[in-house]
Amino acid sequence: MKNSNLMLVDGMALLFRAFYATAVTGQFMINTKGVPTNGVQGFVKHMMTAVGKFNPSHVAVCWDMGSKTFRTEMFPDYKANRGEAPVELIPQFELVKEVVEAFDIPNIGVPGYEADDCIGTIARTIDEDVQVSILTGDKDILQLINDRTSVILLQKGYGNYQVHNRDSLYNEKGIWPEQMIDLKALMGDPSDNYPGVKGIGEKTAIKLLQQFDNVEGILENLDSLTKSQKAKIEQDLEMLHLSRQLAEIKCDVEVSCSLETASLQINREKVLNKFQEVEFKGLHKFIPIEKELA
């Protein structure tokens, strides 16, 4: 499998981004069967624009499988700040998977885990010769970057990306990918609804990590911290450890992705038939005419 490049797509991140981009103006693109398709159409554009630009030899899409996960068992408030999915988005969760299937791209998900955990596990366990890129809008995934795994972050619009490898992340943030978990342990994550250490923000957290490497290093050197930093950490010690567990992407989930099934070989006619069935318009230009892949 020399020169193989596997693109792992964070399905929900793309679907939600696409849905909300058009939902604000009320363009739900409801077809004659009464099914809204705006999120799925935008998902296809995001995925296939990235495939065209980065030219992976293999692609798989990973999904969350419901809101109950091992993290909600550990901390019931995890993501509790997120409301119900909009009614126009709900039928698109199944539709998007059908469309991905029409591309002969595998849909992957494990109940009790998030898409991130599937992505992390596959990225770590796939054949060593394979380069991995992760397509997402979610910065949590930056912790997975290593010498063969890069992260492609979607920016505003279509076809705009920020691509991170180890060095570019360090140049931007001042810390390494493996320190991202400790960063979130300290500062928490409002979007996932866990607090970290109250009163410690990103700047302070990064400074402490640059000085002491990780949470353990900080705890071993509490006496070197300012009085206020020490007090904050001691007061929230339990939450610091819990936040670290919530922040860490699990890379040992029972999931696998065979390169054979993820090989990108698109049957144009099959995809066009699906587009016709669900009444997508103008998306044919996102399907490669011929995709000759080894």
Protein backbone atom coordinates (compact mmCIF):
# COMPACT_ATOMS: atom_id res chain seq x y z
CA MET A 1 0.00 0.00 0.00
CA LYS A 2 2.82 2.40 -0.77
CA ASN A 3 1.78 6.03 -1.35
CA SER A 4 -1.69 5.41 0.05
CA ASN A 5 -3.39 8.44 1.51
CA LEU A 6 -6.51 7.88 3.61
CA MET A 7 -8.85 10.82 4.17
CA LEU A 8 -11.03 10.36 7.25
CA VAL A 9 -14.07 12.63 7.13
CA ASP A 10 -15.73 13.89 10.32
CA GLY A 11 -19.27 13.41 9.00
CA MET A 12 -21.27 15.39 11.58
CA ALA A 13 -18.86 18.34 11.47
CA LEU A 14 -19.41 18.68 7.70
CA LEU A 15 -23.15 18.03 7.82
CA PHE A 16 -23.83 20.56 10.60
CA ARG A 17 -21.65 23.21 8.99
CA ALA A 18 -23.45 22.75 5.66
CA PHE A 19 -26.89 22.71 7.27
CA TYR A 20 -26.44 25.90 9.29
CA ALA A 21 -24.83 27.77 6.39
CA THR A 22 -28.14 27.65 4.46
CA ALA A 23 -30.61 27.25 7.36
CA VAL A 24 -30.05 30.86 8.44
CA THR A 25 -31.76 32.05 5.26
CA GLY A 26 -34.40 29.29 5.43
CA GLN A 27 -33.10 27.49 2.31
CA PHE A 28 -33.84 23.91 3.36
CA MET A 29 -34.16 22.71 -0.26
CA ILE A 30 -37.17 20.47 0.43
CA ASN A 31 -37.67 17.89 -2.33
CA THR A 32 -41.01 16.60 -3.67
CA LYS A 33 -41.03 13.85 -1.02
CA GLY A 34 -41.02 16.58 1.63
CA VAL A 35 -37.44 15.84 2.74
CA PRO A 36 -35.07 18.78 3.37
CA THR A 37 -31.71 18.19 1.66
CA ASN A 38 -29.68 21.38 2.30
CA GLY A 39 -27.26 19.78 4.78
CA VAL A 40 -26.61 16.73 2.62
CA GLN A 41 -26.04 18.79 -0.52
CA GLY A 42 -23.55 20.99 1.33
CA PHE A 43 -21.91 17.90 2.83
CA VAL A 44 -21.33 16.48 -0.68
CA LYS A 45 -19.82 19.79 -1.81
CA HIS A 46 -17.49 19.93 1.21
CA MET A 47 -16.38 16.32 0.89
CA MET A 48 -15.90 16.24 -2.87
CA THR A 49 -14.21 19.67 -3.03
CA ALA A 50 -11.65 18.37 -0.51
CA VAL A 51 -11.26 15.08 -2.41
CA GLY A 52 -10.58 17.08 -5.58
CA LYS A 53 -8.00 19.27 -3.86
CA PHE A 54 -6.13 16.73 -1.72
CA ASN A 55 -6.56 13.72 -4.00
CA PRO A 56 -6.70 10.89 -1.42
CA SER A 57 -6.49 7.31 -2.63
CA HIS A 58 -8.89 6.17 0.13
CA VAL A 59 -11.81 7.82 1.95
CA ALA A 60 -14.01 6.85 4.91
CA VAL A 61 -16.64 8.88 6.77
CA CYS A 62 -17.02 8.59 10.56
CA TRP A 63 -20.23 9.43 12.43
CA ASP A 64 -21.47 10.00 15.96
CA MET A 65 -24.01 7.33 16.85
CA GLY A 66 -26.42 9.20 19.12
CA SER A 67 -25.77 11.53 22.03
CA LYS A 68 -25.16 8.89 24.73
CA THR A 69 -21.46 8.02 24.98
CA PHE A 70 -18.99 6.93 27.63
CA ARG A 71 -18.32 10.65 28.19
CA THR A 72 -21.94 11.37 29.14
CA GLU A 73 -21.71 8.47 31.61
CA MET A 74 -18.61 10.03 33.17
CA PHE A 75 -20.07 13.55 33.18
CA PRO A 76 -23.84 13.82 32.56
CA ASP A 77 -23.50 17.52 31.67
CA TYR A 78 -21.18 16.70 28.75
CA LYS A 79 -22.63 18.52 25.70
CA ALA A 80 -25.85 19.07 27.72
CA ASN A 81 -25.83 22.68 26.49
CA ARG A 82 -26.72 21.53 22.98
CA GLY A 83 -30.39 21.67 22.10
CA GLU A 84 -32.30 19.13 20.06
CA ALA A 85 -31.35 18.95 16.39
CA PRO A 86 -33.55 21.20 14.22
CA VAL A 87 -36.52 19.32 12.80
CA GLU A 88 -35.29 19.97 9.21
CA LEU A 89 -31.96 18.29 9.99
CA ILE A 90 -33.28 15.06 11.53
CA PRO A 91 -34.26 13.25 8.27
CA GLN A 92 -30.89 14.25 6.78
CA PHE A 93 -28.92 12.07 9.24
CA GLU A 94 -30.00 8.91 7.39
CA LEU A 95 -30.09 10.50 3.95
CA VAL A 96 -26.46 11.63 4.15
CA LYS A 97 -25.34 8.05 4.87
CA GLU A 98 -27.29 6.76 1.89
CA VAL A 99 -25.58 9.33 -0.33
CA VAL A 100 -22.13 8.40 1.06
CA GLU A 101 -22.94 4.75 0.26
CA ALA A 102 -23.73 5.72 -3.33
CA PHE A 103 -20.12 6.95 -3.58
CA ASP A 104 -18.99 3.50 -2.34
CA ILE A 105 -17.37 5.23 0.63
CA PRO A 106 -17.73 3.40 3.98
CA ASN A 107 -19.82 4.93 6.80
CA ILE A 108 -18.23 4.11 10.17
CA GLY A 109 -19.59 4.59 13.69
CA VAL A 110 -19.63 2.78 17.02
CA PRO A 111 -22.48 3.21 19.56
CA GLY A 112 -21.21 4.74 22.82
CA TYR A 113 -18.36 6.60 21.09
CA GLU A 114 -18.02 9.79 19.07
CA ALA A 115 -16.80 10.05 15.48
CA ASP A 116 -13.54 11.50 16.87
CA ASP A 117 -12.84 8.23 18.71
CA CYS A 118 -13.36 6.20 15.52
CA ILE A 119 -11.15 8.62 13.58
CA GLY A 120 -8.45 8.46 16.25
CA THR A 121 -8.48 4.68 16.40
CA ILE A 122 -8.32 4.24 12.62
CA ALA A 123 -5.60 6.88 12.26
CA ARG A 124 -3.48 5.09 14.87
CA THR A 125 -4.08 1.50 13.75
CA ILE A 126 -4.10 1.73 9.95
CA ASP A 127 -1.15 0.24 8.07
CA GLU A 128 2.07 2.16 8.83
CA ASP A 129 2.75 3.04 5.19
CA VAL A 130 -0.50 5.01 4.92
CA GLN A 131 -0.58 8.79 5.26
CA VAL A 132 -3.74 9.99 7.02
CA SER A 133 -5.54 13.30 6.64
CA ILE A 134 -8.60 14.22 8.72
CA LEU A 135 -11.22 16.53 7.22
CA THR A 136 -13.17 18.40 9.89
CA GLY A 137 -14.20 21.78 11.23
CA ASP A 138 -13.53 20.66 14.79
CA LYS A 139 -10.27 21.72 16.43
CA ASP A 140 -10.53 18.97 19.07
CA ILE A 141 -9.06 16.65 16.44
CA LEU A 142 -5.76 18.59 16.36
CA GLN A 143 -4.56 16.35 19.22
CA LEU A 144 -4.37 13.45 16.72
CA ILE A 145 -1.67 15.07 14.55
CA ASN A 146 1.56 13.11 14.36
CA ASP A 147 4.26 12.42 11.78
CA ARG A 148 1.85 10.72 9.38
CA THR A 149 -1.48 12.34 10.36
CA SER A 150 -2.44 15.86 9.34
CA VAL A 151 -5.67 17.76 9.95
CA ILE A 152 -7.54 19.72 7.26
CA LEU A 153 -9.72 22.33 8.98
CA LEU A 154 -12.61 23.68 6.94
CA GLN A 155 -12.72 27.47 6.78
CA LYS A 156 -15.58 29.70 5.69
CA GLY A 157 -17.16 28.86 2.33
CA TYR A 158 -16.14 25.89 0.17
CA GLY A 159 -12.60 24.94 -0.77
CA ASN A 160 -10.89 27.01 1.94
CA TYR A 161 -8.74 25.07 4.37
CA GLN A 162 -6.16 25.42 7.07
CA VAL A 163 -3.94 22.36 6.99
CA HIS A 164 -2.02 21.50 10.14
CA ASN A 165 0.91 19.19 10.73
CA ARG A 166 3.05 19.04 13.87
CA ASP A 167 5.23 22.02 13.04
CA SER A 168 2.47 24.31 11.76
CA LEU A 169 0.41 23.67 14.89
CA TYR A 170 3.40 24.42 17.10
CA ASN A 171 4.14 27.60 15.14
CA GLU A 172 0.55 28.76 15.58
CA LYS A 173 -0.18 27.67 19.14
CA GLY A 174 3.19 27.35 20.82
CA ILE A 175 2.38 23.80 21.96
CA TRP A 176 2.56 20.35 20.35
CA PRO A 177 -0.47 18.24 19.29
CA GLU A 178 -0.08 15.89 22.26
CA GLN A 179 -0.37 18.90 24.63
CA MET A 180 -3.78 19.87 23.20
CA ILE A 181 -5.50 17.44 25.60
CA ASP A 182 -3.84 19.11 28.59
CA LEU A 183 -4.77 22.52 27.19
CA LYS A 184 -8.45 21.55 27.19
CA ALA A 185 -8.13 19.94 30.62
CA LEU A 186 -6.97 23.30 31.99
CA MET A 187 -9.20 25.70 30.08
CA GLY A 188 -12.23 23.44 29.60
CA ASP A 189 -14.42 23.52 26.51
CA PRO A 190 -17.60 25.62 26.55
CA SER A 191 -18.91 24.00 23.35
CA ASP A 192 -18.70 20.53 24.98
CA ASN A 193 -19.89 22.01 28.30
CA TYR A 194 -17.10 21.06 30.69
CA PRO A 195 -15.34 23.72 32.72
CA GLY A 196 -11.69 22.71 33.23
CA VAL A 197 -10.12 24.87 35.93
CA LYS A 198 -12.24 27.93 36.67
CA GLY A 199 -10.34 31.13 36.00
CA ILE A 200 -7.61 29.61 33.81
CA GLY A 201 -7.94 30.67 30.18
CA GLU A 202 -6.05 29.70 27.05
CA LYS A 203 -3.14 32.13 27.48
CA THR A 204 -2.30 31.00 31.01
CA ALA A 205 -2.84 27.33 30.11
CA ILE A 206 -0.43 27.56 27.15
CA LYS A 207 2.18 29.34 29.28
CA LEU A 208 1.98 26.64 31.96
CA LEU A 209 2.27 23.87 29.35
CA GLN A 210 5.27 25.55 27.73
CA GLN A 211 6.88 25.66 31.16
CA PHE A 212 5.90 22.24 32.57
CA ASP A 213 4.95 20.12 29.51
CA ASN A 214 1.70 18.58 30.78
CA VAL A 215 -0.83 18.43 33.61
CA GLU A 216 1.39 16.06 35.65
CA GLY A 217 4.33 18.46 35.27
CA ILE A 218 2.18 21.37 36.44
CA LEU A 219 0.91 19.44 39.47
CA GLU A 220 4.47 18.45 40.42
CA ASN A 221 5.44 22.12 40.36
CA LEU A 222 2.44 23.76 42.04
CA ASP A 223 4.76 25.71 44.36
CA SER A 224 6.39 27.44 41.36
CA LEU A 225 3.00 28.82 40.24
CA THR A 226 1.57 32.15 41.27
CA LYS A 227 -0.50 32.02 44.44
CA SER A 228 -3.70 32.57 42.45
CA GLN A 229 -2.90 29.90 39.82
CA LYS A 230 -2.06 27.38 42.56
CA ALA A 231 -5.29 28.12 44.44
CA LYS A 232 -7.41 27.77 41.28
CA ILE A 233 -5.87 24.43 40.33
CA GLU A 234 -6.07 23.01 43.87
CA GLN A 235 -9.69 24.04 44.12
CA ASP A 236 -10.62 22.36 40.81
CA LEU A 237 -8.30 19.38 40.91
CA GLU A 238 -11.05 16.81 40.42
CA MET A 239 -12.52 18.72 37.48
CA LEU A 240 -9.04 19.09 35.95
CA HIS A 241 -8.61 15.31 35.87
CA LEU A 242 -12.15 14.71 34.64
CA SER A 243 -11.80 17.37 31.92
CA ARG A 244 -8.63 15.68 30.74
CA GLN A 245 -10.46 12.37 30.38
CA LEU A 246 -13.31 14.05 28.50
CA ALA A 247 -10.88 15.89 26.19
CA GLU A 248 -8.82 12.86 25.22
CA ILE A 249 -9.87 11.14 22.01
CA LYS A 250 -9.93 7.39 22.56
CA CYS A 251 -7.71 5.56 20.10
CA ASP A 252 -8.52 2.01 21.14
CA VAL A 253 -12.15 1.65 20.11
CA GLU A 254 -13.26 -1.64 18.55
CA VAL A 255 -13.44 -0.30 15.03
CA SER A 256 -11.48 -0.93 11.88
CA CYS A 257 -11.39 0.35 8.36
CA SER A 258 -10.05 -1.91 5.66
CA LEU A 259 -8.15 -0.10 2.96
CA GLU A 260 -9.84 -2.27 0.39
CA THR A 261 -13.34 -1.01 1.23
CA ALA A 262 -12.14 2.59 1.58
CA SER A 263 -10.46 2.66 -1.84
CA LEU A 264 -11.88 5.64 -3.71
CA GLN A 265 -13.47 4.28 -6.85
CA ILE A 266 -16.54 6.28 -7.68
CA ASN A 267 -19.17 4.87 -10.00
CA ARG A 268 -20.42 8.07 -11.58
CA GLU A 269 -23.66 6.57 -12.85
CA LYS A 270 -24.57 5.14 -9.45
CA VAL A 271 -24.00 8.54 -7.76
CA LEU A 272 -25.95 10.41 -10.44
CA ASN A 273 -28.88 8.00 -10.03
CA LYS A 274 -28.89 8.68 -6.29
CA PHE A 275 -28.74 12.44 -6.91
CA GLN A 276 -31.69 12.14 -9.26
CA GLU A 277 -33.66 10.07 -6.76
CA VAL A 278 -33.21 12.62 -3.95
CA GLU A 279 -33.51 15.56 -6.39
CA PHE A 280 -30.08 17.16 -5.99
CA LYS A 281 -29.50 19.79 -8.64
CA GLY A 282 -26.19 21.02 -10.00
CA LEU A 283 -24.07 18.62 -7.96
CA HIS A 284 -22.97 16.44 -10.90
CA LYS A 285 -19.92 18.67 -11.34
CA PHE A 286 -18.63 17.45 -7.97
CA ILE A 287 -18.34 13.87 -9.22
CA PRO A 288 -15.02 13.14 -10.91
CA ILE A 289 -15.46 12.08 -14.54
CA GLU A 290 -12.95 9.30 -14.17
CA LYS A 291 -11.11 8.45 -11.01
CA GLU A 292 -8.33 6.06 -11.89
CA LEU A 293 -6.82 5.05 -8.57
CA ALA A 294 -4.34 2.40 -7.71
